[in-house]
């Protein structure tokens, strides 16, 4: 019986070791996937902003181009300073606001936003660059000749053991004048 008990104990220990190994491998895989996604986001964002700065310069809007460069510097200083994969929602919102300010300059102030959050939620951790791709998509697909203005709402609330983030792009239509 003692031998059988020892065998069962060794089996449990081996199963526990293998489970820990599997969890560690999955965490490493997720970190790698996140790093790949972030490496794809950063250049895309940078190319778009640099293109907008170049457009402003060619149109003679040097004050706007200078403000965008200032915001871009602050943006990258903030993102590079935070080397961790997870950052506070507060920091992610700061990065998102810097991005939105640059986009607002690109779009002649036709972009507005609001952030609504429950108390204390800004201390929770989130993956870096979670919001920026969604905000970029809202702007790129929201602004057009039919919808020259976009208002983005970012709402953060508590869920069951989660944080719920809802990004809404409200298209502000201009009514055609009556004939």
N, C-alpha and C. Protein backbone atom coordinates (compact mmCIF):
# COMPACT_ATOMS: atom_id res chain seq x y z
N UNK A 1 0.84 -1.19 0.00
CA UNK A 1 0.00 0.00 0.00
C UNK A 1 0.88 1.25 0.00
N UNK A 2 1.98 1.19 0.80
CA UNK A 2 2.89 2.33 0.83
C UNK A 2 3.47 2.58 -0.57
N UNK A 3 3.87 1.50 -1.25
CA UNK A 3 4.42 1.64 -2.60
C UNK A 3 3.39 2.25 -3.55
N UNK A 4 2.14 1.82 -3.46
CA UNK A 4 1.07 2.37 -4.30
C UNK A 4 0.86 3.85 -3.97
N UNK A 5 0.87 4.21 -2.69
CA UNK A 5 0.72 5.61 -2.28
C UNK A 5 1.85 6.46 -2.81
N UNK A 6 3.09 5.95 -2.75
CA UNK A 6 4.24 6.68 -3.28
C UNK A 6 4.10 6.89 -4.79
N UNK A 7 3.65 5.86 -5.48
CA UNK A 7 3.47 5.96 -6.94
C UNK A 7 2.41 7.01 -7.30
N UNK A 8 1.31 7.01 -6.57
CA UNK A 8 0.24 7.99 -6.80
C UNK A 8 0.77 9.40 -6.52
N UNK A 9 1.51 9.56 -5.42
CA UNK A 9 2.07 10.88 -5.07
C UNK A 9 3.02 11.36 -6.15
N UNK A 10 3.89 10.46 -6.64
CA UNK A 10 4.82 10.83 -7.72
C UNK A 10 4.06 11.21 -8.99
N UNK A 11 2.99 10.50 -9.28
CA UNK A 11 2.17 10.82 -10.46
C UNK A 11 1.56 12.21 -10.33
N UNK A 12 1.01 12.51 -9.15
CA UNK A 12 0.44 13.84 -8.91
C UNK A 12 1.50 14.93 -9.07
N UNK A 13 2.69 14.69 -8.52
CA UNK A 13 3.77 15.67 -8.63
C UNK A 13 4.19 15.88 -10.08
N UNK A 14 4.24 14.78 -10.84
CA UNK A 14 4.61 14.87 -12.26
C UNK A 14 3.52 15.63 -13.04
N UNK A 15 2.27 15.34 -12.76
CA UNK A 15 1.17 16.04 -13.42
C UNK A 15 1.23 17.53 -13.09
N UNK A 16 1.47 17.86 -11.83
CA UNK A 16 1.56 19.26 -11.42
C UNK A 16 2.72 19.97 -12.13
N UNK A 17 3.87 19.29 -12.23
CA UNK A 17 5.03 19.87 -12.92
C UNK A 17 4.71 20.11 -14.40
N UNK A 18 4.07 19.14 -15.03
CA UNK A 18 3.72 19.28 -16.45
C UNK A 18 2.70 20.40 -16.66
N UNK A 19 1.74 20.54 -15.75
CA UNK A 19 0.74 21.61 -15.87
C UNK A 19 1.41 22.97 -15.76
N UNK A 20 2.35 23.12 -14.82
CA UNK A 20 3.07 24.38 -14.67
C UNK A 20 3.86 24.69 -15.94
N UNK A 21 4.47 23.67 -16.51
CA UNK A 21 5.25 23.83 -17.73
C UNK A 21 4.35 24.29 -18.89
N UNK A 22 3.17 23.69 -18.99
CA UNK A 22 2.22 24.06 -20.05
C UNK A 22 1.77 25.51 -19.87
N UNK A 23 1.46 25.90 -18.64
CA UNK A 23 1.03 27.27 -18.37
C UNK A 23 2.14 28.25 -18.73
N UNK A 24 3.38 27.94 -18.36
CA UNK A 24 4.51 28.81 -18.69
C UNK A 24 4.70 28.94 -20.20
N UNK A 25 4.56 27.81 -20.92
CA UNK A 25 4.68 27.84 -22.38
C UNK A 25 3.58 28.69 -23.00
N UNK A 26 2.36 28.56 -22.50
CA UNK A 26 1.25 29.36 -23.03
C UNK A 26 1.47 30.84 -22.76
N UNK A 27 1.97 31.17 -21.56
CA UNK A 27 2.25 32.58 -21.24
C UNK A 27 3.33 33.13 -22.16
N UNK A 28 4.36 32.36 -22.42
CA UNK A 28 5.43 32.81 -23.32
C UNK A 28 4.89 32.99 -24.74
N UNK A 29 4.03 32.09 -25.18
CA UNK A 29 3.43 32.19 -26.51
C UNK A 29 2.58 33.45 -26.61
N UNK A 30 1.79 33.73 -25.57
CA UNK A 30 0.95 34.94 -25.57
C UNK A 30 1.81 36.19 -25.59
N UNK A 31 2.90 36.19 -24.82
CA UNK A 31 3.79 37.35 -24.82
C UNK A 31 4.40 37.56 -26.19
N UNK A 32 4.77 36.48 -26.85
CA UNK A 32 5.34 36.58 -28.20
C UNK A 32 4.30 37.13 -29.18
N UNK A 33 3.07 36.63 -29.09
CA UNK A 33 2.01 37.12 -29.98
C UNK A 33 1.75 38.59 -29.74
N UNK A 34 1.74 39.01 -28.48
CA UNK A 34 1.53 40.42 -28.15
C UNK A 34 2.67 41.27 -28.70
N UNK A 35 3.89 40.80 -28.57
CA UNK A 35 5.04 41.55 -29.08
C UNK A 35 4.96 41.71 -30.59
N UNK A 36 4.52 40.67 -31.29
CA UNK A 36 4.37 40.75 -32.75
C UNK A 36 3.30 41.77 -33.11
N UNK A 37 2.17 41.73 -32.41
CA UNK A 37 1.10 42.69 -32.68
C UNK A 37 1.56 44.12 -32.42
N UNK A 38 2.26 44.34 -31.32
CA UNK A 38 2.73 45.69 -31.01
C UNK A 38 3.76 46.16 -32.02
N UNK A 39 4.59 45.27 -32.51
CA UNK A 39 5.58 45.67 -33.51
C UNK A 39 4.91 46.03 -34.82
N UNK A 40 3.73 45.46 -35.09
CA UNK A 40 2.99 45.82 -36.30
C UNK A 40 2.27 47.15 -36.12
N UNK A 41 1.78 47.43 -34.92
CA UNK A 41 1.03 48.66 -34.67
C UNK A 41 1.95 49.87 -34.71
N UNK A 42 3.08 49.80 -34.03
CA UNK A 42 3.95 50.97 -33.91
C UNK A 42 4.38 51.55 -35.25
N UNK A 43 4.93 50.76 -36.18
CA UNK A 43 5.33 51.36 -37.46
C UNK A 43 4.14 51.92 -38.24
N UNK A 44 3.02 51.22 -38.24
CA UNK A 44 1.84 51.69 -38.96
C UNK A 44 1.42 53.06 -38.45
N UNK A 45 1.33 53.18 -37.15
CA UNK A 45 0.96 54.46 -36.54
C UNK A 45 1.98 55.54 -36.87
N UNK A 46 3.26 55.21 -36.75
CA UNK A 46 4.31 56.19 -37.00
C UNK A 46 4.28 56.67 -38.45
N UNK A 47 4.12 55.75 -39.40
CA UNK A 47 4.08 56.14 -40.81
C UNK A 47 2.90 57.08 -41.09
N UNK A 48 1.75 56.77 -40.49
CA UNK A 48 0.57 57.62 -40.71
C UNK A 48 0.78 59.02 -40.14
N UNK A 49 1.31 59.11 -38.94
CA UNK A 49 1.52 60.42 -38.32
C UNK A 49 2.58 61.21 -39.07
N UNK A 50 3.68 60.55 -39.46
CA UNK A 50 4.71 61.25 -40.22
C UNK A 50 4.17 61.74 -41.56
N UNK A 51 3.31 60.95 -42.18
CA UNK A 51 2.67 61.39 -43.42
C UNK A 51 1.80 62.61 -43.19
N UNK A 52 1.08 62.63 -42.08
CA UNK A 52 0.24 63.79 -41.76
C UNK A 52 1.09 65.03 -41.49
N UNK A 53 2.21 64.85 -40.81
CA UNK A 53 3.11 65.97 -40.54
C UNK A 53 3.65 66.53 -41.86
N UNK A 54 4.03 65.62 -42.75
CA UNK A 54 4.55 66.04 -44.05
C UNK A 54 3.49 66.80 -44.84
N UNK A 55 2.25 66.34 -44.79
CA UNK A 55 1.16 67.04 -45.47
C UNK A 55 0.97 68.43 -44.90
N UNK A 56 0.99 68.55 -43.59
CA UNK A 56 0.85 69.86 -42.95
C UNK A 56 1.97 70.80 -43.38
N UNK A 57 3.18 70.27 -43.44
CA UNK A 57 4.31 71.09 -43.85
C UNK A 57 4.16 71.55 -45.30
N UNK A 58 3.73 70.65 -46.17
CA UNK A 58 3.60 71.03 -47.58
C UNK A 58 2.47 72.03 -47.80
N UNK A 59 1.48 72.01 -46.90
CA UNK A 59 0.37 72.97 -46.99
C UNK A 59 0.68 74.28 -46.26
N UNK A 60 1.87 74.37 -45.69
CA UNK A 60 2.26 75.58 -44.98
C UNK A 60 1.70 75.70 -43.58
N UNK A 61 1.17 74.62 -43.06
CA UNK A 61 0.60 74.63 -41.71
C UNK A 61 1.69 74.20 -40.72
N UNK A 62 2.72 75.04 -40.63
CA UNK A 62 3.88 74.69 -39.82
C UNK A 62 3.57 74.63 -38.33
N UNK A 63 2.65 75.47 -37.86
CA UNK A 63 2.30 75.44 -36.44
C UNK A 63 1.65 74.10 -36.08
N UNK A 64 0.82 73.59 -36.97
CA UNK A 64 0.18 72.29 -36.72
C UNK A 64 1.22 71.18 -36.78
N UNK A 65 2.11 71.24 -37.78
CA UNK A 65 3.17 70.23 -37.90
C UNK A 65 4.06 70.25 -36.66
N UNK A 66 4.40 71.42 -36.17
CA UNK A 66 5.23 71.51 -34.96
C UNK A 66 4.52 70.93 -33.74
N UNK A 67 3.22 71.22 -33.61
CA UNK A 67 2.46 70.67 -32.48
C UNK A 67 2.39 69.15 -32.58
N UNK A 68 2.22 68.63 -33.80
CA UNK A 68 2.18 67.18 -33.97
C UNK A 68 3.52 66.54 -33.61
N UNK A 69 4.61 67.20 -33.98
CA UNK A 69 5.93 66.68 -33.60
C UNK A 69 6.12 66.69 -32.09
N UNK A 70 5.64 67.74 -31.44
CA UNK A 70 5.72 67.80 -29.98
C UNK A 70 4.91 66.67 -29.35
N UNK A 71 3.69 66.46 -29.84
CA UNK A 71 2.84 65.38 -29.32
C UNK A 71 3.45 64.01 -29.62
N UNK A 72 4.03 63.86 -30.81
CA UNK A 72 4.65 62.59 -31.17
C UNK A 72 5.83 62.29 -30.25
N UNK A 73 6.60 63.31 -29.93
CA UNK A 73 7.73 63.14 -29.01
C UNK A 73 7.23 62.71 -27.64
N UNK A 74 6.19 63.37 -27.14
CA UNK A 74 5.61 63.00 -25.83
C UNK A 74 5.06 61.57 -25.87
N UNK A 75 4.39 61.24 -26.99
CA UNK A 75 3.79 59.92 -27.17
C UNK A 75 4.87 58.85 -27.06
N UNK A 76 5.96 59.00 -27.83
CA UNK A 76 6.99 57.97 -27.81
C UNK A 76 7.79 57.98 -26.52
N UNK A 77 7.96 59.12 -25.92
CA UNK A 77 8.63 59.16 -24.62
C UNK A 77 7.83 58.35 -23.61
N UNK A 78 6.53 58.51 -23.65
CA UNK A 78 5.66 57.78 -22.72
C UNK A 78 5.66 56.29 -23.01
N UNK A 79 5.54 55.91 -24.27
CA UNK A 79 5.45 54.49 -24.61
C UNK A 79 6.78 53.77 -24.43
N UNK A 80 7.87 54.44 -24.71
CA UNK A 80 9.17 53.78 -24.55
C UNK A 80 9.59 53.72 -23.08
N UNK A 81 9.13 54.68 -22.29
CA UNK A 81 9.43 54.67 -20.86
C UNK A 81 8.75 53.49 -20.19
N UNK A 82 7.61 53.12 -20.67
CA UNK A 82 6.85 52.02 -20.11
C UNK A 82 7.21 50.75 -20.87
N UNK A 83 8.26 50.06 -20.44
CA UNK A 83 8.75 48.90 -21.18
C UNK A 83 7.95 47.62 -20.89
N UNK A 84 7.10 47.65 -19.88
CA UNK A 84 6.34 46.47 -19.53
C UNK A 84 5.26 46.20 -20.58
N UNK A 85 4.81 44.94 -20.65
CA UNK A 85 3.71 44.60 -21.55
C UNK A 85 2.39 45.17 -21.03
N UNK A 86 2.24 45.18 -19.71
CA UNK A 86 1.03 45.69 -19.10
C UNK A 86 1.32 47.05 -18.47
N UNK A 87 0.41 48.00 -18.70
CA UNK A 87 0.53 49.32 -18.09
C UNK A 87 -0.81 49.68 -17.48
N UNK A 88 -0.83 50.70 -16.66
CA UNK A 88 -2.09 51.09 -16.03
C UNK A 88 -3.03 51.68 -17.09
N UNK A 89 -4.31 51.54 -16.84
CA UNK A 89 -5.29 52.14 -17.74
C UNK A 89 -5.06 53.64 -17.82
N UNK A 90 -4.64 54.24 -16.72
CA UNK A 90 -4.34 55.68 -16.70
C UNK A 90 -3.29 56.01 -17.76
N UNK A 91 -2.20 55.24 -17.79
CA UNK A 91 -1.14 55.48 -18.78
C UNK A 91 -1.61 55.19 -20.20
N UNK A 92 -2.40 54.13 -20.36
CA UNK A 92 -2.92 53.81 -21.69
C UNK A 92 -3.84 54.92 -22.19
N UNK A 93 -4.63 55.51 -21.30
CA UNK A 93 -5.49 56.62 -21.69
C UNK A 93 -4.68 57.87 -22.04
N UNK A 94 -3.57 58.10 -21.34
CA UNK A 94 -2.69 59.22 -21.68
C UNK A 94 -2.12 59.04 -23.07
N UNK A 95 -1.67 57.82 -23.38
CA UNK A 95 -1.16 57.52 -24.72
C UNK A 95 -2.26 57.72 -25.76
N UNK A 96 -3.46 57.25 -25.46
CA UNK A 96 -4.59 57.39 -26.38
C UNK A 96 -4.93 58.86 -26.61
N UNK A 97 -4.90 59.67 -25.56
CA UNK A 97 -5.20 61.09 -25.70
C UNK A 97 -4.15 61.81 -26.54
N UNK A 98 -2.89 61.46 -26.36
CA UNK A 98 -1.84 62.05 -27.21
C UNK A 98 -2.09 61.69 -28.67
N UNK A 99 -2.46 60.45 -28.92
CA UNK A 99 -2.78 60.03 -30.28
C UNK A 99 -3.96 60.83 -30.83
N UNK A 100 -5.02 60.95 -30.03
CA UNK A 100 -6.21 61.68 -30.48
C UNK A 100 -5.89 63.16 -30.75
N UNK A 101 -5.04 63.75 -29.92
CA UNK A 101 -4.66 65.15 -30.14
C UNK A 101 -3.92 65.32 -31.46
N UNK A 102 -3.06 64.35 -31.80
CA UNK A 102 -2.36 64.43 -33.09
C UNK A 102 -3.35 64.28 -34.24
N UNK A 103 -4.26 63.35 -34.12
CA UNK A 103 -5.27 63.16 -35.17
C UNK A 103 -6.18 64.38 -35.30
N UNK A 104 -6.52 64.99 -34.19
CA UNK A 104 -7.38 66.18 -34.22
C UNK A 104 -6.70 67.29 -35.02
N UNK A 105 -5.40 67.45 -34.83
CA UNK A 105 -4.66 68.46 -35.59
C UNK A 105 -4.67 68.13 -37.09
N UNK A 106 -4.64 66.85 -37.42
CA UNK A 106 -4.65 66.42 -38.83
C UNK A 106 -6.00 66.68 -39.49
N UNK A 107 -7.04 66.68 -38.70
CA UNK A 107 -8.39 66.73 -39.26
C UNK A 107 -9.12 68.03 -38.93
N UNK A 108 -8.37 69.11 -38.88
CA UNK A 108 -8.97 70.44 -38.72
C UNK A 108 -9.95 70.53 -37.57
N UNK A 109 -9.62 69.93 -36.46
CA UNK A 109 -10.47 69.98 -35.26
C UNK A 109 -11.85 69.36 -35.46
N UNK A 110 -11.99 68.46 -36.44
CA UNK A 110 -13.28 67.79 -36.67
C UNK A 110 -13.41 66.51 -35.84
N UNK A 111 -12.57 66.39 -34.85
CA UNK A 111 -12.56 65.21 -34.01
C UNK A 111 -12.66 65.65 -32.55
N UNK A 112 -13.62 65.07 -31.86
CA UNK A 112 -13.76 65.31 -30.42
C UNK A 112 -13.87 63.95 -29.73
N UNK A 113 -13.65 63.96 -28.44
CA UNK A 113 -13.75 62.72 -27.68
C UNK A 113 -14.07 63.02 -26.24
N UNK A 114 -14.55 61.96 -25.59
CA UNK A 114 -14.81 62.03 -24.16
C UNK A 114 -14.42 60.68 -23.55
N UNK A 115 -14.00 60.74 -22.31
CA UNK A 115 -13.64 59.52 -21.59
C UNK A 115 -14.46 59.48 -20.31
N UNK A 116 -15.20 58.41 -20.15
CA UNK A 116 -16.02 58.21 -18.96
C UNK A 116 -15.55 56.92 -18.29
N UNK A 117 -15.23 57.01 -16.99
CA UNK A 117 -14.79 55.81 -16.30
C UNK A 117 -15.25 55.82 -14.86
N UNK A 118 -15.42 54.63 -14.35
CA UNK A 118 -15.80 54.48 -12.96
C UNK A 118 -14.58 54.76 -12.08
N UNK A 119 -14.83 55.23 -10.88
CA UNK A 119 -13.75 55.58 -9.95
C UNK A 119 -12.82 54.40 -9.70
N UNK A 120 -11.52 54.69 -9.73
CA UNK A 120 -10.51 53.70 -9.40
C UNK A 120 -10.14 52.74 -10.51
N UNK A 121 -10.88 52.76 -11.61
CA UNK A 121 -10.63 51.81 -12.68
C UNK A 121 -9.32 52.09 -13.41
N UNK A 122 -8.85 53.34 -13.32
CA UNK A 122 -7.63 53.71 -14.04
C UNK A 122 -6.38 53.09 -13.44
N UNK A 123 -6.48 52.43 -12.31
CA UNK A 123 -5.34 51.75 -11.70
C UNK A 123 -5.15 50.32 -12.20
N UNK A 124 -6.15 49.77 -12.89
CA UNK A 124 -6.05 48.41 -13.39
C UNK A 124 -5.05 48.36 -14.54
N UNK A 125 -4.53 47.16 -14.81
CA UNK A 125 -3.54 47.00 -15.87
C UNK A 125 -4.19 46.56 -17.17
N UNK A 126 -3.57 46.98 -18.28
CA UNK A 126 -4.06 46.67 -19.62
C UNK A 126 -2.84 46.50 -20.52
N UNK A 127 -2.99 45.76 -21.60
CA UNK A 127 -1.90 45.62 -22.56
C UNK A 127 -1.65 46.97 -23.23
N UNK A 128 -0.38 47.30 -23.38
CA UNK A 128 -0.01 48.55 -24.03
C UNK A 128 -0.52 48.54 -25.47
N UNK A 129 -1.00 49.68 -25.94
CA UNK A 129 -1.52 49.88 -27.30
C UNK A 129 -2.81 49.10 -27.56
N UNK A 130 -3.60 48.90 -26.54
CA UNK A 130 -4.89 48.26 -26.74
C UNK A 130 -5.87 49.20 -27.40
N UNK A 131 -5.90 50.45 -26.98
CA UNK A 131 -6.91 51.39 -27.46
C UNK A 131 -6.57 52.00 -28.82
N UNK A 132 -5.32 52.29 -29.08
CA UNK A 132 -4.91 53.06 -30.25
C UNK A 132 -5.42 52.47 -31.58
N UNK A 133 -5.32 51.17 -31.84
CA UNK A 133 -5.83 50.66 -33.12
C UNK A 133 -7.33 50.86 -33.29
N UNK A 134 -8.09 50.75 -32.21
CA UNK A 134 -9.53 50.96 -32.30
C UNK A 134 -9.85 52.43 -32.55
N UNK A 135 -9.11 53.31 -31.90
CA UNK A 135 -9.31 54.75 -32.12
C UNK A 135 -8.94 55.12 -33.55
N UNK A 136 -7.84 54.58 -34.04
CA UNK A 136 -7.42 54.86 -35.41
C UNK A 136 -8.47 54.38 -36.40
N UNK A 137 -9.02 53.21 -36.17
CA UNK A 137 -10.05 52.66 -37.04
C UNK A 137 -11.31 53.53 -37.02
N UNK A 138 -11.68 54.01 -35.84
CA UNK A 138 -12.86 54.88 -35.72
C UNK A 138 -12.68 56.16 -36.53
N UNK A 139 -11.48 56.70 -36.50
CA UNK A 139 -11.21 57.95 -37.21
C UNK A 139 -11.14 57.71 -38.71
N UNK A 140 -10.38 56.69 -39.11
CA UNK A 140 -10.18 56.43 -40.53
C UNK A 140 -11.49 56.12 -41.24
N UNK A 141 -12.35 55.35 -40.59
CA UNK A 141 -13.60 54.94 -41.23
C UNK A 141 -14.77 55.84 -40.87
N UNK A 142 -14.57 56.72 -39.89
CA UNK A 142 -15.65 57.60 -39.47
C UNK A 142 -15.71 58.91 -40.21
N UNK A 143 -14.55 59.48 -40.52
CA UNK A 143 -14.52 60.77 -41.19
C UNK A 143 -14.67 60.60 -42.70
N UNK A 144 -15.57 61.37 -43.27
CA UNK A 144 -15.76 61.36 -44.73
C UNK A 144 -16.47 62.67 -45.09
N UNK A 145 -16.76 62.84 -46.38
CA UNK A 145 -17.48 64.06 -46.77
C UNK A 145 -18.90 64.06 -46.20
N UNK A 146 -19.51 62.89 -46.10
CA UNK A 146 -20.86 62.80 -45.52
C UNK A 146 -20.83 63.03 -44.02
N UNK A 147 -19.77 62.59 -43.39
CA UNK A 147 -19.62 62.72 -41.94
C UNK A 147 -18.32 63.44 -41.65
N UNK A 148 -18.33 64.76 -41.76
CA UNK A 148 -17.09 65.52 -41.59
C UNK A 148 -16.61 65.63 -40.14
N UNK A 149 -17.43 65.21 -39.20
CA UNK A 149 -17.05 65.29 -37.79
C UNK A 149 -17.32 63.95 -37.10
N UNK A 150 -16.43 63.60 -36.20
CA UNK A 150 -16.58 62.36 -35.44
C UNK A 150 -16.36 62.68 -33.97
N UNK A 151 -17.21 62.09 -33.15
CA UNK A 151 -17.06 62.18 -31.70
C UNK A 151 -16.86 60.77 -31.18
N UNK A 152 -15.75 60.56 -30.49
CA UNK A 152 -15.42 59.23 -29.96
C UNK A 152 -15.67 59.23 -28.46
N UNK A 153 -16.36 58.21 -28.02
CA UNK A 153 -16.64 58.05 -26.60
C UNK A 153 -15.93 56.78 -26.11
N UNK A 154 -15.14 56.94 -25.06
CA UNK A 154 -14.45 55.81 -24.45
C UNK A 154 -15.05 55.64 -23.05
N UNK A 155 -15.69 54.50 -22.84
CA UNK A 155 -16.34 54.23 -21.57
C UNK A 155 -15.69 53.02 -20.91
N UNK A 156 -15.30 53.19 -19.65
CA UNK A 156 -14.67 52.11 -18.89
C UNK A 156 -15.50 51.84 -17.65
N UNK A 157 -15.88 50.57 -17.48
CA UNK A 157 -16.70 50.22 -16.32
C UNK A 157 -16.28 48.85 -15.80
N UNK A 158 -16.73 48.55 -14.60
CA UNK A 158 -16.44 47.26 -13.98
C UNK A 158 -17.45 46.24 -14.47
N UNK A 159 -16.94 45.04 -14.77
CA UNK A 159 -17.80 43.90 -15.08
C UNK A 159 -17.60 42.86 -14.01
N UNK A 160 -18.05 41.66 -14.26
CA UNK A 160 -17.83 40.56 -13.32
C UNK A 160 -16.37 40.12 -13.44
N UNK A 161 -15.54 40.53 -12.50
CA UNK A 161 -14.11 40.19 -12.48
C UNK A 161 -13.37 40.69 -13.73
N UNK A 162 -13.89 41.71 -14.40
CA UNK A 162 -13.25 42.26 -15.59
C UNK A 162 -13.43 43.77 -15.63
N UNK A 163 -12.72 44.37 -16.54
CA UNK A 163 -12.93 45.77 -16.88
C UNK A 163 -13.51 45.78 -18.29
N UNK A 164 -14.60 46.49 -18.46
CA UNK A 164 -15.26 46.57 -19.77
C UNK A 164 -14.92 47.92 -20.39
N UNK A 165 -14.38 47.88 -21.60
CA UNK A 165 -14.04 49.10 -22.33
C UNK A 165 -14.89 49.12 -23.60
N UNK A 166 -15.64 50.20 -23.77
CA UNK A 166 -16.48 50.37 -24.95
C UNK A 166 -16.04 51.65 -25.65
N UNK A 167 -15.69 51.52 -26.92
CA UNK A 167 -15.31 52.67 -27.74
C UNK A 167 -16.40 52.84 -28.79
N UNK A 168 -17.00 54.02 -28.80
CA UNK A 168 -18.08 54.31 -29.73
C UNK A 168 -17.68 55.50 -30.57
N UNK A 169 -17.80 55.37 -31.88
CA UNK A 169 -17.57 56.54 -32.72
C UNK A 169 -18.93 57.03 -33.20
N UNK A 170 -19.29 58.19 -32.70
CA UNK A 170 -20.58 58.80 -33.02
C UNK A 170 -20.37 59.73 -34.20
N UNK A 171 -20.99 59.41 -35.29
CA UNK A 171 -20.86 60.22 -36.48
C UNK A 171 -21.79 61.42 -36.36
N UNK A 172 -21.24 62.60 -36.56
CA UNK A 172 -22.03 63.82 -36.45
C UNK A 172 -22.37 64.30 -37.86
N UNK A 173 -23.59 64.00 -38.29
CA UNK A 173 -24.01 64.35 -39.64
C UNK A 173 -24.39 65.82 -39.73
N UNK A 174 -24.08 66.41 -40.85
CA UNK A 174 -24.56 67.76 -41.10
C UNK A 174 -25.77 67.66 -42.00
N UNK A 175 -26.82 68.34 -41.64
CA UNK A 175 -28.05 68.27 -42.42
C UNK A 175 -27.91 69.06 -43.71
N UNK A 176 -28.37 68.48 -44.80
CA UNK A 176 -28.34 69.24 -46.04
C UNK A 176 -29.33 70.39 -45.96
N UNK A 177 -28.97 71.50 -46.55
CA UNK A 177 -29.88 72.65 -46.50
C UNK A 177 -31.09 72.38 -47.40
N UNK A 178 -32.27 72.85 -46.98
CA UNK A 178 -33.49 72.60 -47.77
C UNK A 178 -33.40 73.34 -49.10
N UNK A 179 -34.03 72.76 -50.11
CA UNK A 179 -34.01 73.35 -51.45
C UNK A 179 -35.20 74.24 -51.67
